[in-house]
Protein backbone atom coordinates (compact mmCIF):
# COMPACT_ATOMS: atom_id res chain seq x y z
CA UNK A 1 4.39 -1.84 27.36
CA UNK A 2 1.06 -0.23 28.23
CA UNK A 3 -1.90 -0.43 25.85
CA UNK A 4 -3.78 2.75 25.02
CA UNK A 5 -6.50 3.65 27.50
CA UNK A 6 -9.96 4.11 26.00
CA UNK A 7 -11.12 7.67 25.48
CA UNK A 8 -12.98 9.15 28.45
CA UNK A 9 -16.72 9.54 27.79
CA UNK A 10 -18.63 12.50 29.22
CA UNK A 11 -22.39 12.06 29.40
CA UNK A 12 -23.99 10.66 26.29
CA UNK A 13 -22.09 12.56 23.62
CA UNK A 14 -18.73 14.14 24.35
CA UNK A 15 -15.54 12.12 24.20
CA UNK A 16 -12.12 13.14 25.39
CA UNK A 17 -9.40 11.79 23.11
CA UNK A 18 -5.99 11.40 24.73
CA UNK A 19 -3.37 12.32 22.14
CA UNK A 20 0.44 12.32 21.99
CA UNK A 21 2.82 13.63 19.35
CA UNK A 22 6.24 12.46 18.17
CA UNK A 23 8.06 15.14 16.18
CA UNK A 24 7.22 18.62 17.43
CA UNK A 25 8.28 20.84 14.54
CA UNK A 26 5.86 22.82 12.41
CA UNK A 27 3.95 19.81 11.12
CA UNK A 28 3.76 18.03 14.46
CA UNK A 29 2.58 21.08 16.37
CA UNK A 30 0.21 21.82 13.48
CA UNK A 31 -1.27 18.32 13.70
CA UNK A 32 -1.98 18.80 17.41
CA UNK A 33 -3.82 22.02 16.56
CA UNK A 34 -5.74 20.40 13.70
CA UNK A 35 -6.96 17.35 15.63
CA UNK A 36 -7.95 19.63 18.52
CA UNK A 37 -10.04 21.81 16.21
CA UNK A 38 -11.60 18.76 14.54
CA UNK A 39 -12.65 17.35 17.91
CA UNK A 40 -14.11 20.70 18.98
CA UNK A 41 -16.11 20.91 15.76
CA UNK A 42 -17.54 17.47 16.54
CA UNK A 43 -18.43 18.37 20.12
CA UNK A 44 -15.54 16.35 21.55
CA UNK A 45 -12.24 17.29 23.15
CA UNK A 46 -8.56 16.47 22.69
CA UNK A 47 -6.13 16.35 25.60
CA UNK A 48 -2.39 16.23 24.88
CA UNK A 49 -0.80 13.77 27.30
CA UNK A 50 2.79 13.46 25.98
CA UNK A 51 5.21 14.82 23.38
CA UNK A 52 8.60 13.71 22.08
CA UNK A 53 11.15 15.27 19.77
CA UNK A 54 14.86 14.75 19.13
CA UNK A 55 15.22 18.21 20.68
CA UNK A 56 13.61 18.28 24.12
CA UNK A 57 12.92 22.02 24.02
CA UNK A 58 10.57 21.53 21.06
CA UNK A 59 8.61 18.88 22.93
CA UNK A 60 8.39 21.15 25.98
CA UNK A 61 7.10 24.01 23.85
CA UNK A 62 4.31 21.89 22.37
CA UNK A 63 3.34 20.69 25.85
CA UNK A 64 3.32 24.25 27.13
CA UNK A 65 1.18 25.43 24.22
CA UNK A 66 -1.42 22.70 24.74
CA UNK A 67 -1.69 22.42 28.51
CA UNK A 68 0.37 19.28 28.96
CA UNK A 69 2.71 19.05 31.95
CA UNK A 70 6.29 19.45 30.72
CA UNK A 71 7.33 16.36 32.66
CA UNK A 72 5.66 14.46 29.82
CA UNK A 73 7.93 16.13 27.22
CA UNK A 74 10.69 13.77 26.12
CA UNK A 75 13.85 14.44 24.11
CA UNK A 76 16.42 12.38 22.25
CA UNK A 77 16.16 9.73 19.55
CA UNK A 78 14.51 7.27 21.96
CA UNK A 79 12.04 9.75 23.44
CA UNK A 80 9.21 8.19 21.45
CA UNK A 81 9.44 5.09 23.66
CA UNK A 82 8.30 7.14 26.64
CA UNK A 83 5.31 8.33 24.61
CA UNK A 84 4.35 4.70 23.99
CA UNK A 85 4.20 4.18 27.76
CA UNK A 86 1.63 6.98 28.12
CA UNK A 87 -2.14 6.47 28.12
CA UNK A 88 -2.51 8.18 24.75
CA UNK A 89 -5.12 6.60 22.51
CA UNK A 90 -3.79 8.37 19.40
CA UNK A 91 -0.19 9.19 18.46
CA UNK A 92 0.62 11.80 15.82
CA UNK A 93 3.84 10.87 13.98
CA UNK A 94 5.62 13.86 12.45
CA UNK A 95 9.33 13.27 13.02
CA UNK A 96 11.62 13.25 9.95
CA UNK A 97 10.43 10.53 7.54
CA UNK A 98 13.38 8.19 8.16
CA UNK A 99 11.82 7.46 11.57
CA UNK A 100 8.23 6.88 10.42
CA UNK A 101 8.21 3.10 10.08
CA UNK A 102 10.07 2.60 13.37
CA UNK A 103 7.71 4.91 15.26
CA UNK A 104 4.63 3.39 13.61
CA UNK A 105 5.76 -0.10 14.59
CA UNK A 106 6.11 1.05 18.19
CA UNK A 107 2.59 2.53 18.08
CA UNK A 108 1.04 -0.73 16.89
CA UNK A 109 2.88 -2.73 19.56
CA UNK A 110 1.54 -0.28 22.15
CA UNK A 111 -2.01 -0.50 20.78
CA UNK A 112 -2.27 3.10 19.61
CA UNK A 113 -4.08 4.61 16.64
CA UNK A 114 -1.76 6.47 14.28
CA UNK A 115 -1.62 9.67 12.31
CA UNK A 116 1.36 9.15 9.97
CA UNK A 117 2.60 12.28 8.26
CA UNK A 118 3.80 11.73 4.71
CA UNK A 119 6.11 10.31 3.43
CA UNK A 120 6.44 7.14 5.41
CA UNK A 121 9.96 6.06 4.36
CA UNK A 122 13.11 7.26 2.65
CA UNK A 123 14.40 3.97 1.22
CA UNK A 124 12.93 0.64 0.02
CA UNK A 125 13.65 -1.14 3.32
CA UNK A 126 11.71 1.49 5.23
CA UNK A 127 8.87 1.28 2.73
CA UNK A 128 8.54 -2.47 3.15
CA UNK A 129 8.81 -2.15 6.94
CA UNK A 130 5.91 0.31 6.98
CA UNK A 131 3.78 -1.98 4.83
CA UNK A 132 4.32 -4.71 7.44
CA UNK A 133 3.16 -2.23 10.10
CA UNK A 134 0.01 -1.62 8.04
CA UNK A 135 -0.78 -5.35 8.07
CA UNK A 136 -0.25 -5.52 11.83
CA UNK A 137 -2.39 -2.41 12.42
CA UNK A 138 -5.26 -3.87 10.41
CA UNK A 139 -5.07 -7.13 12.33
CA UNK A 140 -5.15 -5.19 15.61
CA UNK A 141 -8.04 -2.99 14.36
CA UNK A 142 -5.97 0.17 14.74
CA UNK A 143 -6.54 3.20 12.53
CA UNK A 144 -3.87 4.78 10.35
CA UNK A 145 -4.61 8.27 9.05
CA UNK A 146 -2.16 9.53 6.41
CA UNK A 147 -0.81 13.02 5.89
CA UNK A 148 -1.79 12.99 2.21
CA UNK A 149 -4.37 15.61 3.12
CA UNK A 150 -5.94 16.09 -0.32
CA UNK A 151 -7.81 12.80 0.10
CA UNK A 152 -9.96 14.76 2.58
CA UNK A 153 -10.10 18.00 0.59
CA UNK A 154 -13.62 19.10 -0.36
CA UNK A 155 -12.50 20.26 -3.79
CA UNK A 156 -11.19 16.78 -4.58
CA UNK A 157 -14.10 14.94 -2.99
CA UNK A 158 -16.65 16.76 -5.16
CA UNK A 159 -14.65 15.82 -8.28
CA UNK A 160 -13.80 12.18 -7.78
CA UNK A 161 -17.27 10.71 -8.46
CA UNK A 162 -17.78 12.57 -11.77
CA UNK A 163 -14.37 11.33 -12.91
CA UNK A 164 -15.15 7.77 -11.81
CA UNK A 165 -18.50 8.05 -13.66
CA UNK A 166 -16.61 8.93 -16.86
CA UNK A 167 -17.35 12.64 -17.27
CA UNK A 168 -14.06 13.10 -19.19
CA UNK A 169 -13.76 9.50 -20.34
CA UNK A 170 -10.63 7.42 -19.96
CA UNK A 171 -7.64 9.43 -18.72
CA UNK A 172 -4.99 9.51 -21.45
CA UNK A 173 -2.22 11.67 -19.95
CA UNK A 174 -1.34 14.52 -17.66
CA UNK A 175 1.21 16.66 -15.86
CA UNK A 176 1.97 17.00 -12.16
CA UNK A 177 3.65 20.18 -10.90
CA UNK A 178 5.30 20.90 -7.55
CA UNK A 179 7.38 23.96 -8.32
CA UNK A 180 8.02 26.67 -5.75
CA UNK A 181 10.79 28.54 -3.98
CA UNK A 182 11.35 29.03 -0.29
CA UNK A 183 14.15 26.52 0.03
CA UNK A 184 16.05 28.91 2.30
CA UNK A 185 13.45 28.48 5.02
CA UNK A 186 14.18 24.73 5.07
CA UNK A 187 17.97 25.13 5.37
CA UNK A 188 19.48 24.88 8.86
CA UNK A 189 23.29 25.16 8.84
CA UNK A 190 25.37 23.08 11.20
CA UNK A 191 25.83 24.61 14.66
CA UNK A 192 29.08 24.32 16.66
CA UNK A 193 27.45 22.04 19.24
CA UNK A 194 25.89 19.67 16.68
CA UNK A 195 26.75 16.01 16.38
CA UNK A 196 26.12 14.43 12.98
CA UNK A 197 22.85 13.08 14.37
CA UNK A 198 21.58 16.39 15.74
CA UNK A 199 22.71 18.25 12.62
CA UNK A 200 20.76 15.92 10.33
CA UNK A 201 17.77 15.82 12.68
CA UNK A 202 17.67 19.62 12.50
CA UNK A 203 18.53 20.03 8.79
CA UNK A 204 16.63 16.85 7.89
CA UNK A 205 14.90 18.28 4.83
CA UNK A 206 18.23 18.66 2.99
CA UNK A 207 19.38 15.07 3.42
CA UNK A 208 17.93 12.35 1.20
CA UNK A 209 18.45 9.81 3.96
CA UNK A 210 16.24 11.85 6.32
CA UNK A 211 13.56 13.24 3.97
CA UNK A 212 13.60 11.11 0.83
CA UNK A 213 14.42 14.33 -1.13
CA UNK A 214 11.85 17.03 -1.81
CA UNK A 215 10.23 15.10 -4.66
CA UNK A 216 9.14 12.50 -2.14
CA UNK A 217 8.61 14.87 0.78
CA UNK A 218 6.54 17.50 -1.08
CA UNK A 219 5.48 16.36 -4.57
CA UNK A 220 3.90 13.29 -2.99
CA UNK A 221 0.69 15.34 -2.62
CA UNK A 222 0.27 15.98 -6.33
CA UNK A 223 1.52 12.53 -7.34
CA UNK A 224 -0.95 10.93 -4.93
CA UNK A 225 -3.78 12.89 -6.56
CA UNK A 226 -2.75 11.46 -9.94
CA UNK A 227 -2.74 7.91 -8.52
CA UNK A 228 -6.14 8.44 -6.92
CA UNK A 229 -7.92 9.95 -9.91
CA UNK A 230 -6.35 7.56 -12.41
CA UNK A 231 -7.28 4.68 -10.13
CA UNK A 232 -4.05 2.71 -10.33
CA UNK A 233 -0.31 2.96 -9.70
CA UNK A 234 2.48 3.50 -12.24
CA UNK A 235 4.48 0.51 -13.35
CA UNK A 236 7.77 2.29 -14.14
CA UNK A 237 9.53 5.62 -13.74
CA UNK A 238 12.30 7.35 -15.71
CA UNK A 239 13.63 10.72 -14.71
CA UNK A 240 16.30 13.37 -14.51
CA UNK A 241 17.24 15.86 -11.83
CA UNK A 242 19.98 18.20 -10.70
CA UNK A 243 21.47 20.08 -7.77
CA UNK A 244 22.05 23.81 -8.41
CA UNK A 245 21.47 26.05 -5.41
CA UNK A 246 21.37 24.06 -2.19
CA UNK A 247 24.15 24.76 0.30
CA UNK A 248 23.70 21.93 2.82
CA UNK A 249 22.85 18.25 2.55
CA UNK A 250 22.87 16.12 -0.58
CA UNK A 251 19.45 16.53 -2.25
CA UNK A 252 18.49 17.79 -5.70
CA UNK A 253 16.91 21.14 -6.54
CA UNK A 254 14.75 19.84 -9.38
CA UNK A 255 13.22 16.69 -10.87
CA UNK A 256 11.49 15.72 -14.09
CA UNK A 257 9.95 12.25 -14.00
CA UNK A 258 7.97 10.26 -16.57
CA UNK A 259 5.58 7.73 -15.05
CA UNK A 260 4.22 4.87 -17.16
CA UNK A 261 0.87 3.69 -15.80
CA UNK A 262 0.48 1.06 -18.51
CA UNK A 263 -1.91 1.08 -21.50
CA UNK A 264 0.07 3.98 -23.01
CA UNK A 265 -0.82 6.33 -20.14
CA UNK A 266 2.10 8.55 -19.14
CA UNK A 267 2.13 11.24 -16.46
CA UNK A 268 4.93 13.81 -16.41
CA UNK A 269 5.87 15.04 -12.93
CA UNK A 270 7.91 18.23 -12.50
CA UNK A 271 9.26 19.41 -9.15
CA UNK A 272 11.57 22.35 -8.45
CA UNK A 273 12.60 24.31 -5.36
CA UNK A 274 14.53 27.33 -6.59
CA UNK A 275 13.76 30.89 -5.56
CA UNK A 276 13.01 33.45 -8.26
CA UNK A 277 11.40 30.97 -10.67
CA UNK A 278 7.81 30.40 -11.76
CA UNK A 279 5.66 28.63 -9.19
CA UNK A 280 3.00 26.02 -9.91
CA UNK A 281 1.51 23.24 -7.80
CA UNK A 282 -1.27 21.19 -9.36
CA UNK A 283 -2.33 17.90 -10.94
CA UNK A 284 -3.71 18.26 -14.48
CA UNK A 285 -5.15 15.25 -16.29
CA UNK A 286 -6.46 14.89 -19.84
CA UNK A 287 -9.23 12.47 -20.77
CA UNK A 288 -10.98 11.41 -23.96
CA UNK A 289 -13.74 14.00 -23.50
CA UNK A 290 -12.20 16.70 -21.33
CA UNK A 291 -9.69 17.77 -18.72
CA UNK A 292 -9.48 18.09 -14.96
CA UNK A 293 -7.43 20.40 -12.82
CA UNK A 294 -7.68 18.39 -9.61
CA UNK A 295 -8.77 20.74 -6.80
CA UNK A 296 -9.88 23.14 -9.55
CA UNK A 297 -12.31 22.56 -12.42
CA UNK A 298 -13.45 19.80 -14.73
CA UNK A 299 -13.98 20.84 -18.35
CA UNK A 300 -15.50 18.93 -21.25
CA UNK A 301 -14.30 19.53 -24.81
CA UNK A 302 -17.91 19.80 -26.02
CA UNK A 303 -18.72 22.49 -23.47
CA UNK A 304 -21.29 20.33 -21.67
CA UNK A 305 -21.91 21.44 -18.10
CA UNK A 306 -20.21 19.38 -15.42
CA UNK A 307 -22.24 18.40 -12.37
CA UNK A 308 -20.06 18.02 -9.29
CA UNK A 309 -20.82 15.73 -6.35
CA UNK A 310 -21.95 18.31 -3.80
CA UNK A 311 -23.46 15.62 -1.58
CA UNK A 312 -19.94 14.36 -0.83
CA UNK A 313 -19.02 17.56 1.00
CA UNK A 314 -22.24 18.45 2.83
CA UNK A 315 -21.48 19.59 6.36
CA UNK A 316 -17.73 19.40 5.86
CA UNK A 317 -15.31 22.16 6.87
CA UNK A 318 -13.39 23.65 3.92
CA UNK A 319 -10.10 23.21 5.80
CA UNK A 320 -8.74 19.83 4.70
CA UNK A 321 -6.18 19.75 7.52
CA UNK A 322 -9.05 19.77 10.01
CA UNK A 323 -11.27 17.46 7.97
CA UNK A 324 -8.69 14.67 7.77
CA UNK A 325 -8.75 14.50 11.57
CA UNK A 326 -12.54 14.84 11.56
CA UNK A 327 -12.71 11.71 9.40
CA UNK A 328 -10.13 10.02 11.64
CA UNK A 329 -12.04 10.72 14.87
CA UNK A 330 -15.40 9.92 13.27
CA UNK A 331 -14.03 6.50 12.43
CA UNK A 332 -12.90 5.94 16.00
CA UNK A 333 -16.31 6.93 17.36
CA UNK A 334 -18.24 4.76 14.89
CA UNK A 335 -15.83 1.83 14.82
CA UNK A 336 -15.36 2.28 11.06
CA UNK A 337 -11.64 2.90 11.38
CA UNK A 338 -9.68 4.87 8.80
CA UNK A 339 -7.14 2.64 7.04
CA UNK A 340 -4.89 4.82 4.87
CA UNK A 341 -1.57 3.14 5.58
CA UNK A 342 -1.26 1.24 2.31
CA UNK A 343 -2.37 4.28 0.32
CA UNK A 344 0.31 6.58 1.75
CA UNK A 345 2.89 3.80 1.45
CA UNK A 346 2.18 3.43 -2.26
CA UNK A 347 2.22 7.19 -2.79
CA UNK A 348 5.63 7.17 -1.12
CA UNK A 349 6.71 4.26 -3.33
CA UNK A 350 5.63 6.19 -6.43
CA UNK A 351 7.72 9.22 -5.57
CA UNK A 352 10.62 7.05 -4.39
CA UNK A 353 10.66 5.43 -7.84
CA UNK A 354 11.02 8.89 -9.37
CA UNK A 355 13.88 9.90 -7.08
CA UNK A 356 15.80 6.68 -7.71
CA UNK A 357 15.26 6.95 -11.46
CA UNK A 358 16.61 10.51 -11.48
CA UNK A 359 19.57 9.65 -9.23
CA UNK A 360 20.66 6.62 -11.26
CA UNK A 361 19.43 7.32 -14.78
CA UNK A 362 17.77 3.92 -14.83
CA UNK A 363 14.20 2.75 -15.32
CA UNK A 364 12.73 1.83 -11.95
CA UNK A 365 9.76 -0.52 -11.63
CA UNK A 366 7.35 -0.58 -8.71
CA UNK A 367 8.21 -4.26 -8.30
CA UNK A 368 11.89 -3.32 -7.87
CA UNK A 369 11.05 -1.67 -4.56
CA UNK A 370 8.53 -4.18 -3.27
CA UNK A 371 9.09 -7.74 -4.53
CA UNK A 372 11.98 -8.18 -6.96
CA UNK A 373 14.87 -9.07 -4.67
CA UNK A 374 17.18 -9.51 -7.64
CA UNK A 375 16.81 -5.84 -8.59
CA UNK A 376 19.67 -3.49 -7.62
CA UNK A 377 17.01 -1.05 -6.42
CA UNK A 378 15.52 -3.48 -3.91
CA UNK A 379 18.48 -3.00 -1.56
CA UNK A 380 19.41 0.56 -2.55
CA UNK A 381 18.99 1.67 1.06
CA UNK A 382 20.42 4.38 3.29
CA UNK A 383 23.85 3.87 4.84
CA UNK A 384 22.27 4.23 8.30
CA UNK A 385 18.87 3.47 9.80
CA UNK A 386 16.51 5.08 12.29
CA UNK A 387 17.72 2.68 15.00
CA UNK A 388 21.30 3.91 14.51
CA UNK A 389 20.24 7.20 16.11
CA UNK A 390 19.58 5.26 19.33
CA UNK A 391 22.86 3.32 19.33
CA UNK A 392 24.78 5.69 21.61
CA UNK A 393 27.29 6.37 18.82
CA UNK A 394 27.13 9.14 16.27
CA UNK A 395 25.72 8.32 12.84
CA UNK A 396 27.89 8.78 9.72
CA UNK A 397 27.43 12.05 7.86
CA UNK A 398 26.84 11.68 4.10
CA UNK A 399 29.07 13.76 1.86
CA UNK A 400 27.52 17.21 1.51
CA UNK A 401 27.20 19.74 -1.28
CA UNK A 402 27.19 17.01 -3.89
CA UNK A 403 24.51 14.77 -5.36
CA UNK A 404 24.17 11.43 -7.15
CA UNK A 405 25.39 11.36 -10.74
CA UNK A 406 23.18 9.39 -13.17
CA UNK A 407 24.90 6.58 -15.02
CA UNK A 408 27.43 5.92 -12.26
CA UNK A 409 27.22 3.12 -9.72
């Protein structure tokens, strides 16, 4: 296993960052673009040195688009191992979430800094495996940048200090929304040539085992904002959900989850992916003295003017997708490495609690996923793992066009 080569230094200022990507769909190819733009804005340069995807043609396309020789494009479930043998300093992980912990572990063993797209797991075992990777990355002084992009959003950064300083007082409640349509664009029907593995790798969004369901895969952004601005994690989750319109896979169309953060603070999270319905994506919190629409405005009940923290965003690009990589690369240059692994793991845990509560009808505690081995939720894991895709045998296909029924084992 080869360790990552240090970035090439040109003159006194410019650095060339060698980057690879695992998972070359829209988010993976987008991450290559974003880190390239961030480096350019800093006066540095990114060079793509390798790419891997379950489907080799996707890896080849990303290489072609970014000037990387196609001989460094690797396909198949084990293609990521070839990436780890490259001289990439940074690896962008954007394969379906079931693979995140496995790929992150390989990065740390190879001495590579990580961009980990959210979420980072689809079951409790994967969650705990990623948290172990976080410990190992910190010990090895390797950065982990998370795909929870709003942590680098200027609109959030100018709000967080006023909230921490008590501009609306103690937060007493709130609602999280992730409601939108467009589910048809995520659906990829089975093709005649597909194995179970290639079908699920292609239609990954529609399988809970692959994506964690859309509440985890998408609503994680808004839920993470609630965690961040409240300043702590929920203790329990109760929820409901249903499957109405999906035509492949086994995921729900909608969720409604109540999070108990302790001290009588409850946050209601609503997520829906059904075309033709009202859309809303935001995190709204209510405090003793006012309200905040995170990424929007802070308002006080007494009408007092709110002073935002403009110093926090001086010189920053308004595009958060670029700025997260700006912060990532700045940390590598300065030696003050970004460490967001635990944060994105706990955001994933929060949404995973909600999914499991809706699926089962039970009350799920954070400790059930992380520490309480006697809990039925601790081992409520997928029927196959990321490594099964590398076994040489096809993976089992979960029953489709159905969904978990609350109250049943």
